[in-house]
Each structure stands twice: as C-alpha cells, then as structure tokens.
Amino acid sequence: MGIKPDYGTLNVKYKGRTIHVRPFPISVDFDTIDKLARNPGVKREMKRVRAPQYIPYKYIGVGVDRIDYTKGILERFRAIDRFLEKYPEYQNNFVFVEAGAPSRTRIPAYMELNEEISKAVDKINWKYMRGYWKPIIYIEGKLGPDRLFALYRTADVCIVSPIQDGMNLVAKEFISANVDCTGALMLSKFAGATEELEDAVIVNPYDVEGFADAIRDTLDMSPKEKRRRMKSLRVHVKRNNVFKWLSDFICEVAKFIS
C-alpha cells in the first residue's frame, strides 16, 4: 500500500504525508468513582451482598461486561469450570457474579451469543450445584451504581478477560472502586490495559489450564500482597485519570497545530 512506518519516531509516511501516531490510553474519573464507592448506600448493599441468604460463601468473583464476542465471557466460564473441577475444595466456597449488559440484541449473532452464555451458565451450575449453592450467578442487564460498587468492594477478584480489547475501562473502574484494597484484578493479556496495569494478574483467556490455575493462585494470594498490588494500581489510575488523558491529547494536538 506504500505505507512506511517509522517505529523510532512513531510516524507513518503515506503519499508524501507524515502521520503522527501516539498512544493515549483512555481512563476513568478516579475521584468520582472513589467517592461514589464510599456512599452509605454502597455500604448497605455490601452488607446485603454478604448476607447468608444472598452470597454466604468465602470467595466472591465478579465480572462486568457488555455481551460481546470480544469480551471473552465464554472463555472465562470455561476457566471457572476447570478451576472448580481441578480444585474441588473451592466448590461450595466460591461464587462468581457475572453482570452482562445485552448489546446489539437485534443482530442474530449476538442473540446466539446471549443464548450460548445462558446455556454455559446452566451447564456449569448443574454440574456443581450443591443445595442452595451454585457457582455462577448471572445477572442479565446493567447494575445500579450502589450494587455495582458494592460488588467491586466485596469481590475477592475481578476477572476482565477479553480475547481482544483496545483498553477496557471495567478494570480501571474496579480499581477506582476498590477503596479497601482487598480485591485483586485478573486481566487478559489481550486487553490494552495490560500495558499500564502491571500489578494485575495477567492471564491468557485461551489457556484454560493456566487461567484456572491463576484463579486459584489469585484467591490464595495473601491479604498483604493483594493490598500492595491494589494500592499500586490505584495510585496509577488516580494519576492517569480521564482528565489527564484529555489534557495529554489536547497538548499533543496543539504541538502540531502551532
């Protein structure tokens, strides 16, 4: 095509023109999320989440996604299935809450994906169900802020495992809301956020065995190590928030205009 990239300067030459390519990883409003996560309504919801009649189990995992092939939801469920099979001591002790917001519901491929996800949840739940316990709680639709932040704060692990994603802001939302620094983030190597969030536990969503082992290792992580990692992640996201992203972008554009 006649395109000549210069990896040293991050420029691309095409038809006599020089195109400047720069990375600007988008972020979230850390301070606002942090503040909302401390609301009294969130604290009340946290008590409800941990109540015996809701989630009375030792370990809680959470996933929040738009229903899309790129989000790796089915791959995540396969890893959870293998994790419970390989480490049966976590059966009846671990529950994973997946909040999936439907998208493009009139497109047949997305309708089929939604059905596949529901079937996968049913299959895994029937496989391991004991009494009132089932390993996956699937919430179809968006969660209100109080419940969402309550789940973020009570979760032992948040799993963000896309098979392809430019950034993924759920990872940064979880970090911003994890004000107690008690949770751990598991992040796919195929998410752009991996380039920034070095203290996340990085996984390959296609590697079922490695993914399952990583879930076990993350749940077994010491509170001290979880706190160290989360504090580091929170410092990074707070420093590199959405306002810095906007400022950096405008400043870079201004250089070329001037």
Protein backbone atom coordinates (compact mmCIF):
# COMPACT_ATOMS: atom_id res chain seq x y z
CA MET A 1 0.00 0.00 0.00
CA GLY A 2 3.03 2.27 0.05
CA ILE A 3 2.78 2.90 3.79
CA LYS A 4 6.15 3.33 5.51
CA PRO A 5 6.04 3.19 9.31
CA ASP A 6 8.92 4.61 11.31
CA TYR A 7 8.88 2.80 14.63
CA GLY A 8 11.57 5.05 16.06
CA THR A 9 9.53 8.24 15.72
CA LEU A 10 6.07 6.62 15.72
CA ASN A 11 5.32 8.29 12.40
CA VAL A 12 3.80 6.86 9.23
CA LYS A 13 4.63 8.19 5.76
CA TYR A 14 1.95 7.86 3.10
CA LYS A 15 1.66 9.62 -0.27
CA GLY A 16 4.07 12.34 0.77
CA ARG A 17 2.34 12.97 4.08
CA THR A 18 3.61 12.26 7.58
CA ILE A 19 1.02 10.91 10.00
CA HIS A 20 1.93 11.11 13.67
CA VAL A 21 0.79 8.12 15.74
CA ARG A 22 0.68 8.49 19.52
CA PRO A 23 -0.77 6.31 22.31
CA PHE A 24 -3.38 7.96 24.54
CA PRO A 25 -4.80 5.27 26.86
CA ILE A 26 -8.24 6.45 27.95
CA SER A 27 -9.11 6.30 31.63
CA VAL A 28 -11.87 6.93 34.18
CA ASP A 29 -12.78 9.65 36.67
CA PHE A 30 -10.99 8.06 39.62
CA ASP A 31 -12.02 10.59 42.28
CA THR A 32 -15.73 10.44 41.39
CA ILE A 33 -15.80 6.63 41.39
CA ASP A 34 -13.83 6.53 44.65
CA LYS A 35 -16.33 8.92 46.24
CA LEU A 36 -19.40 7.05 44.94
CA ALA A 37 -17.97 3.75 46.20
CA ARG A 38 -17.92 5.16 49.74
CA ASN A 39 -21.61 6.17 49.74
CA PRO A 40 -23.81 4.87 52.60
CA GLY A 41 -25.99 3.13 50.00
CA VAL A 42 -22.99 1.11 48.84
CA LYS A 43 -22.16 0.09 52.42
CA ARG A 44 -25.75 -1.07 52.96
CA GLU A 45 -25.60 -3.04 49.72
CA MET A 46 -22.29 -4.61 50.78
CA LYS A 47 -23.94 -5.99 53.93
CA ARG A 48 -26.74 -7.40 51.80
CA VAL A 49 -24.31 -8.98 49.34
CA ARG A 50 -22.51 -10.80 52.14
CA ALA A 51 -25.75 -11.81 53.88
CA PRO A 52 -26.31 -15.58 54.24
CA GLN A 53 -29.37 -15.54 52.00
CA TYR A 54 -27.53 -13.81 49.14
CA ILE A 55 -23.83 -14.79 48.86
CA PRO A 56 -22.81 -16.61 52.06
CA TYR A 57 -19.62 -18.01 50.57
CA LYS A 58 -15.96 -17.49 51.37
CA TYR A 59 -14.81 -16.22 47.97
CA ILE A 60 -16.58 -13.89 45.54
CA GLY A 61 -15.51 -13.20 41.97
CA VAL A 62 -17.08 -10.59 39.72
CA GLY A 63 -17.22 -9.86 36.01
CA VAL A 64 -18.94 -6.89 34.38
CA ASP A 65 -19.26 -6.87 30.61
CA ARG A 66 -21.21 -5.83 27.59
CA ILE A 67 -22.38 -9.04 25.89
CA ASP A 68 -19.93 -9.22 23.01
CA TYR A 69 -17.68 -11.88 21.48
CA THR A 70 -14.59 -9.78 22.22
CA LYS A 71 -15.19 -9.84 26.00
CA GLY A 72 -14.23 -13.49 26.41
CA ILE A 73 -17.16 -14.38 28.66
CA LEU A 74 -17.42 -17.98 27.44
CA GLU A 75 -13.66 -18.43 27.81
CA ARG A 76 -13.94 -17.11 31.38
CA PHE A 77 -16.68 -19.60 32.20
CA ARG A 78 -14.60 -22.47 30.77
CA ALA A 79 -11.77 -21.45 33.08
CA ILE A 80 -14.13 -21.30 36.08
CA ASP A 81 -15.46 -24.75 35.17
CA ARG A 82 -11.93 -26.15 35.01
CA PHE A 83 -10.95 -24.35 38.22
CA LEU A 84 -13.80 -25.96 40.16
CA GLU A 85 -13.06 -29.34 38.60
CA LYS A 86 -9.32 -29.15 39.31
CA TYR A 87 -9.62 -27.64 42.79
CA PRO A 88 -12.78 -29.18 44.29
CA GLU A 89 -12.06 -27.62 47.69
CA TYR A 90 -13.43 -24.37 46.24
CA GLN A 91 -16.77 -25.95 45.43
CA ASN A 92 -19.41 -24.58 47.78
CA ASN A 93 -16.89 -21.88 48.78
CA PHE A 94 -16.63 -19.77 45.62
CA VAL A 95 -19.28 -17.92 43.66
CA PHE A 96 -18.80 -15.82 40.53
CA VAL A 97 -21.21 -12.97 39.79
CA GLU A 98 -21.37 -12.05 36.11
CA ALA A 99 -23.29 -8.91 35.12
CA GLY A 100 -23.82 -8.96 31.37
CA ALA A 101 -25.41 -5.97 29.64
CA PRO A 102 -27.11 -7.04 26.38
CA SER A 103 -25.95 -5.25 23.25
CA ARG A 104 -26.94 -5.31 19.56
CA THR A 105 -29.85 -7.54 20.50
CA ARG A 106 -31.39 -7.45 17.02
CA ILE A 107 -28.31 -8.93 15.39
CA PRO A 108 -28.67 -12.75 15.14
CA ALA A 109 -25.02 -13.45 16.06
CA TYR A 110 -25.41 -11.51 19.31
CA MET A 111 -28.71 -13.21 20.10
CA GLU A 112 -26.96 -16.56 19.65
CA LEU A 113 -24.08 -15.45 21.89
CA ASN A 114 -26.52 -14.49 24.64
CA GLU A 115 -28.10 -17.94 24.39
CA GLU A 116 -24.67 -19.61 24.48
CA ILE A 117 -23.77 -17.71 27.64
CA SER A 118 -27.04 -18.67 29.35
CA LYS A 119 -26.53 -22.33 28.37
CA ALA A 120 -22.94 -22.29 29.65
CA VAL A 121 -24.08 -20.87 33.00
CA ASP A 122 -26.81 -23.52 33.32
CA LYS A 123 -24.43 -26.33 32.38
CA ILE A 124 -21.77 -25.32 34.93
CA ASN A 125 -24.33 -24.69 37.66
CA TRP A 126 -26.00 -28.07 37.15
CA LYS A 127 -22.59 -29.77 37.12
CA TYR A 128 -21.51 -28.46 40.52
CA MET A 129 -24.69 -27.39 42.32
CA ARG A 130 -24.98 -28.40 45.97
CA GLY A 131 -28.12 -27.50 47.89
CA TYR A 132 -28.58 -23.76 47.54
CA TRP A 133 -25.06 -23.18 46.20
CA LYS A 134 -24.38 -22.62 42.54
CA PRO A 135 -21.02 -21.36 41.26
CA ILE A 136 -22.23 -18.71 38.81
CA ILE A 137 -24.83 -16.01 39.39
CA TYR A 138 -25.66 -14.47 36.02
CA ILE A 139 -27.32 -11.06 36.09
CA GLU A 140 -28.57 -10.07 32.66
CA GLY A 141 -28.63 -6.28 32.44
CA LYS A 142 -26.88 -3.28 33.91
CA LEU A 143 -26.42 -2.92 37.66
CA GLY A 144 -27.25 0.25 39.56
CA PRO A 145 -24.23 2.12 40.94
CA ASP A 146 -24.76 1.07 44.58
CA ARG A 147 -24.93 -2.63 43.76
CA LEU A 148 -22.10 -2.41 41.21
CA PHE A 149 -19.72 -0.67 43.59
CA ALA A 150 -20.77 -2.99 46.43
CA LEU A 151 -19.77 -5.97 44.29
CA TYR A 152 -16.50 -4.28 43.36
CA ARG A 153 -15.73 -3.68 47.04
CA THR A 154 -16.71 -7.14 48.30
CA ALA A 155 -15.17 -9.14 45.45
CA ASP A 156 -12.01 -11.07 46.17
CA VAL A 157 -11.23 -10.97 42.47
CA CYS A 158 -12.49 -9.13 39.40
CA ILE A 159 -11.89 -11.04 36.16
CA VAL A 160 -11.53 -9.00 32.98
CA SER A 161 -10.68 -11.49 30.25
CA PRO A 162 -11.38 -10.15 26.75
CA ILE A 163 -10.00 -12.01 23.76
CA GLN A 164 -9.38 -8.60 22.16
CA ASP A 165 -9.88 -5.15 23.65
CA GLY A 166 -8.37 -1.77 22.90
CA MET A 167 -8.35 -0.74 26.57
CA ASN A 168 -11.11 -1.98 28.92
CA LEU A 169 -12.40 0.52 31.44
CA VAL A 170 -14.05 -2.06 33.72
CA ALA A 171 -10.57 -2.87 35.01
CA LYS A 172 -9.98 0.78 35.91
CA GLU A 173 -13.48 1.15 37.39
CA PHE A 174 -12.83 -1.84 39.66
CA ILE A 175 -9.52 -0.38 40.80
CA SER A 176 -11.09 3.03 41.49
CA ALA A 177 -13.95 1.48 43.49
CA ASN A 178 -11.76 -0.93 45.49
CA VAL A 179 -11.25 1.59 48.27
CA ASP A 180 -10.41 -1.06 50.88
CA CYS A 181 -7.63 -2.54 48.71
CA THR A 182 -8.87 -6.06 49.45
CA GLY A 183 -9.57 -7.23 45.90
CA ALA A 184 -7.32 -8.46 43.10
CA LEU A 185 -7.61 -7.81 39.38
CA MET A 186 -7.16 -10.57 36.81
CA LEU A 187 -6.62 -9.14 33.35
CA SER A 188 -6.35 -10.67 29.90
CA LYS A 189 -3.05 -10.25 28.07
CA PHE A 190 -5.16 -9.18 25.08
CA ALA A 191 -6.56 -6.07 26.81
CA GLY A 192 -4.78 -2.79 26.12
CA ALA A 193 -4.97 -2.00 29.83
CA THR A 194 -2.34 -4.71 30.42
CA GLU A 195 0.30 -2.28 29.12
CA GLU A 196 -0.48 0.02 32.07
CA LEU A 197 -1.77 -2.13 34.92
CA GLU A 198 1.38 -4.07 35.74
CA ASP A 199 0.20 -5.25 39.16
CA ALA A 200 -2.80 -7.11 37.75
CA VAL A 201 -2.62 -10.89 37.43
CA ILE A 202 -2.21 -11.39 33.68
CA VAL A 203 -3.90 -14.38 32.01
CA ASN A 204 -4.37 -15.84 28.55
CA PRO A 205 -8.12 -16.49 28.15
CA TYR A 206 -7.42 -19.24 25.60
CA ASP A 207 -5.22 -21.17 28.05
CA VAL A 208 -7.89 -22.89 30.14
CA GLU A 209 -5.43 -24.70 32.42
CA GLY A 210 -3.29 -21.63 33.06
CA PHE A 211 -6.39 -19.49 33.57
CA ALA A 212 -7.85 -21.97 36.09
CA ASP A 213 -4.56 -22.10 37.99
CA ALA A 214 -4.39 -18.29 38.03
CA ILE A 215 -7.86 -18.09 39.60
CA ARG A 216 -6.68 -20.44 42.37
CA ASP A 217 -3.43 -18.53 42.86
CA THR A 218 -5.24 -15.19 42.99
CA LEU A 219 -7.77 -16.40 45.57
CA ASP A 220 -4.88 -17.81 47.63
CA MET A 221 -2.93 -14.54 47.44
CA SER A 222 -2.12 -13.11 50.86
CA PRO A 223 -4.03 -10.00 52.03
CA LYS A 224 -0.70 -8.18 52.23
CA GLU A 225 0.14 -8.92 48.58
CA LYS A 226 -3.38 -8.00 47.44
CA ARG A 227 -3.13 -4.70 49.28
CA ARG A 228 0.30 -3.94 47.82
CA ARG A 229 -0.87 -4.62 44.28
CA MET A 230 -4.15 -2.73 44.62
CA LYS A 231 -2.52 0.31 46.22
CA SER A 232 -0.08 0.46 43.32
CA LEU A 233 -2.88 0.12 40.77
CA ARG A 234 -4.95 2.81 42.48
CA VAL A 235 -2.01 5.25 42.50
CA HIS A 236 -1.54 4.68 38.77
CA VAL A 237 -5.21 5.14 37.82
CA LYS A 238 -5.59 8.19 40.09
CA ARG A 239 -2.53 9.79 38.50
CA ASN A 240 -3.53 8.80 34.96
CA ASN A 241 -7.22 9.67 35.15
CA VAL A 242 -9.57 10.71 32.35
CA PHE A 243 -8.72 14.39 32.80
CA LYS A 244 -5.01 13.74 32.30
CA TRP A 245 -5.88 11.69 29.22
CA LEU A 246 -7.82 14.63 27.78
CA SER A 247 -5.10 17.12 28.69
CA ASP A 248 -2.34 14.98 27.16
CA PHE A 249 -4.36 14.56 23.98
CA ILE A 250 -5.08 18.27 23.57
CA CYS A 251 -1.48 19.25 24.37
CA GLU A 252 -0.13 16.83 21.78
CA VAL A 253 -2.53 18.12 19.11
CA ALA A 254 -1.61 21.71 19.99
CA LYS A 255 2.06 20.97 19.26
CA PHE A 256 1.28 20.13 15.66
CA ILE A 257 -1.19 22.98 15.17
CA SER A 258 1.36 25.52 16.39
